[in-house]
C-alpha atoms as a PDB file:
ATOM      1  CA  MET A   1     104.799 166.858 173.974  1.00  0.00           C
ATOM      2  CA  SER A   2     106.745 166.793 170.727  1.00  0.00           C
ATOM      3  CA  GLU A   3     110.480 166.406 170.698  1.00  0.00           C
ATOM      4  CA  GLY A   4     112.442 169.586 169.971  1.00  0.00           C
ATOM      5  CA  ARG A   5     115.604 169.631 167.923  1.00  0.00           C
ATOM      6  CA  VAL A   6     118.645 171.256 169.385  1.00  0.00           C
ATOM      7  CA  GLY A   7     121.524 172.246 167.266  1.00  0.00           C
ATOM      8  CA  ILE A   8     125.013 173.599 167.765  1.00  0.00           C
ATOM      9  CA  VAL A   9     126.645 175.967 165.410  1.00  0.00           C
ATOM     10  CA  LEU A  10     130.308 177.085 165.666  1.00  0.00           C
ATOM     11  CA  LEU A  11     130.780 180.351 163.791  1.00  0.00           C
ATOM     12  CA  HIS A  12     134.452 180.893 162.963  1.00  0.00           C
ATOM     13  CA  GLY A  13     135.738 184.022 161.321  1.00  0.00           C
ATOM     14  CA  LEU A  14     138.603 184.084 158.885  1.00  0.00           C
ATOM     15  CA  GLY A  15     140.082 187.222 160.337  1.00  0.00           C
ATOM     16  CA  GLN A  16     140.035 189.388 157.258  1.00  0.00           C
ATOM     17  CA  GLY A  17     137.988 192.135 158.885  1.00  0.00           C
ATOM     18  CA  PRO A  18     139.467 195.588 159.545  1.00  0.00           C
ATOM     19  CA  GLU A  19     139.858 194.736 163.282  1.00  0.00           C
ATOM     20  CA  SER A  20     142.236 191.856 162.568  1.00  0.00           C
ATOM     21  CA  ARG A  21     145.864 192.229 163.308  1.00  0.00           C
ATOM     22  CA  ASN A  22     148.782 190.326 161.851  1.00  0.00           C
ATOM     23  CA  ALA A  23     149.282 188.456 165.073  1.00  0.00           C
ATOM     24  CA  VAL A  24     145.702 187.251 165.081  1.00  0.00           C
ATOM     25  CA  ARG A  25     145.932 186.267 161.373  1.00  0.00           C
ATOM     26  CA  ALA A  26     148.993 184.179 162.194  1.00  0.00           C
ATOM     27  CA  LEU A  27     147.008 182.135 164.717  1.00  0.00           C
ATOM     28  CA  LEU A  28     143.989 181.512 162.525  1.00  0.00           C
ATOM     29  CA  PRO A  29     145.141 178.261 160.829  1.00  0.00           C
ATOM     30  CA  ALA A  30     145.612 176.686 164.289  1.00  0.00           C
ATOM     31  CA  ASN A  31     142.346 178.157 165.534  1.00  0.00           C
ATOM     32  CA  LEU A  32     140.463 176.874 162.445  1.00  0.00           C
ATOM     33  CA  GLY A  33     141.945 173.423 162.986  1.00  0.00           C
ATOM     34  CA  ALA A  34     140.808 173.593 166.625  1.00  0.00           C
ATOM     35  CA  ALA A  35     137.349 174.635 165.513  1.00  0.00           C
ATOM     36  CA  ARG A  36     137.085 171.724 163.005  1.00  0.00           C
ATOM     37  CA  GLN A  37     138.214 169.324 165.732  1.00  0.00           C
ATOM     38  CA  LEU A  38     135.698 170.783 168.197  1.00  0.00           C
ATOM     39  CA  ALA A  39     132.865 170.549 165.681  1.00  0.00           C
ATOM     40  CA  SER A  40     133.728 166.956 164.718  1.00  0.00           C
ATOM     41  CA  GLY A  41     133.725 165.979 168.461  1.00  0.00           C
ATOM     42  CA  ILE A  42     130.203 167.275 169.038  1.00  0.00           C
ATOM     43  CA  GLY A  43     127.600 165.128 167.456  1.00  0.00           C
ATOM     44  CA  GLY A  44     125.443 167.097 165.025  1.00  0.00           C
ATOM     45  CA  ALA A  45     127.483 170.318 165.396  1.00  0.00           C
ATOM     46  CA  GLU A  46     127.885 172.521 162.360  1.00  0.00           C
ATOM     47  CA  LEU A  47     130.960 174.595 161.646  1.00  0.00           C
ATOM     48  CA  ARG A  48     130.310 177.663 159.576  1.00  0.00           C
ATOM     49  CA  ILE A  49     133.345 179.600 158.418  1.00  0.00           C
ATOM     50  CA  VAL A  50     132.599 183.291 157.911  1.00  0.00           C
ATOM     51  CA  PRO A  51     134.914 185.194 155.656  1.00  0.00           C
ATOM     52  CA  GLY A  52     135.691 188.893 156.328  1.00  0.00           C
ATOM     53  CA  VAL A  53     135.344 188.913 160.053  1.00  0.00           C
ATOM     54  CA  GLY A  54     137.850 188.871 162.844  1.00  0.00           C
ATOM     55  CA  HIS A  55     138.040 188.637 166.591  1.00  0.00           C
ATOM     56  CA  GLU A  56     134.892 189.430 168.530  1.00  0.00           C
ATOM     57  CA  TRP A  57     132.941 189.888 165.376  1.00  0.00           C
ATOM     58  CA  ASN A  58     129.690 189.139 167.294  1.00  0.00           C
ATOM     59  CA  VAL A  59     130.288 192.354 169.176  1.00  0.00           C
ATOM     60  CA  ARG A  60     131.812 194.439 166.320  1.00  0.00           C
ATOM     61  CA  GLN A  61     129.374 193.277 163.648  1.00  0.00           C
ATOM     62  CA  PRO A  62     126.276 192.230 165.573  1.00  0.00           C
ATOM     63  CA  GLU A  63     123.915 192.479 162.587  1.00  0.00           C
ATOM     64  CA  ARG A  64     126.051 190.029 160.565  1.00  0.00           C
ATOM     65  CA  PHE A  65     126.393 187.744 163.516  1.00  0.00           C
ATOM     66  CA  ALA A  66     122.602 187.723 164.015  1.00  0.00           C
ATOM     67  CA  ALA A  67     122.056 186.991 160.316  1.00  0.00           C
ATOM     68  CA  GLU A  68     124.313 183.948 160.572  1.00  0.00           C
ATOM     69  CA  LEU A  69     122.408 182.724 163.569  1.00  0.00           C
ATOM     70  CA  GLU A  70     119.128 183.370 161.841  1.00  0.00           C
ATOM     71  CA  ARG A  71     120.291 181.248 158.831  1.00  0.00           C
ATOM     72  CA  PHE A  72     121.278 178.420 161.204  1.00  0.00           C
ATOM     73  CA  LEU A  73     117.963 178.554 163.118  1.00  0.00           C
ATOM     74  CA  ALA A  74     115.818 178.840 159.987  1.00  0.00           C
ATOM     75  CA  ALA A  75     117.269 175.504 158.722  1.00  0.00           C
ATOM     76  CA  ARG A  76     116.082 173.841 161.842  1.00  0.00           C
ATOM     77  CA  ARG A  77     112.426 174.925 161.659  1.00  0.00           C
END
């Protein structure tokens, strides 16, 4: 049996989407720092920063979220 490659991607939005509120935008620098720290603590994890999306963008923009995942998975084939 061949070995499979497992990857981890952290998709972090920059909160510029129409659903973002000022309170959420104020938290983003801290959240981005936490995301960077999390990614650096997981061997082989990849942090992708996605401009133009806000909170719960995987639910609010499922096509874009799926496209980001597809790009990640395609790079691992």
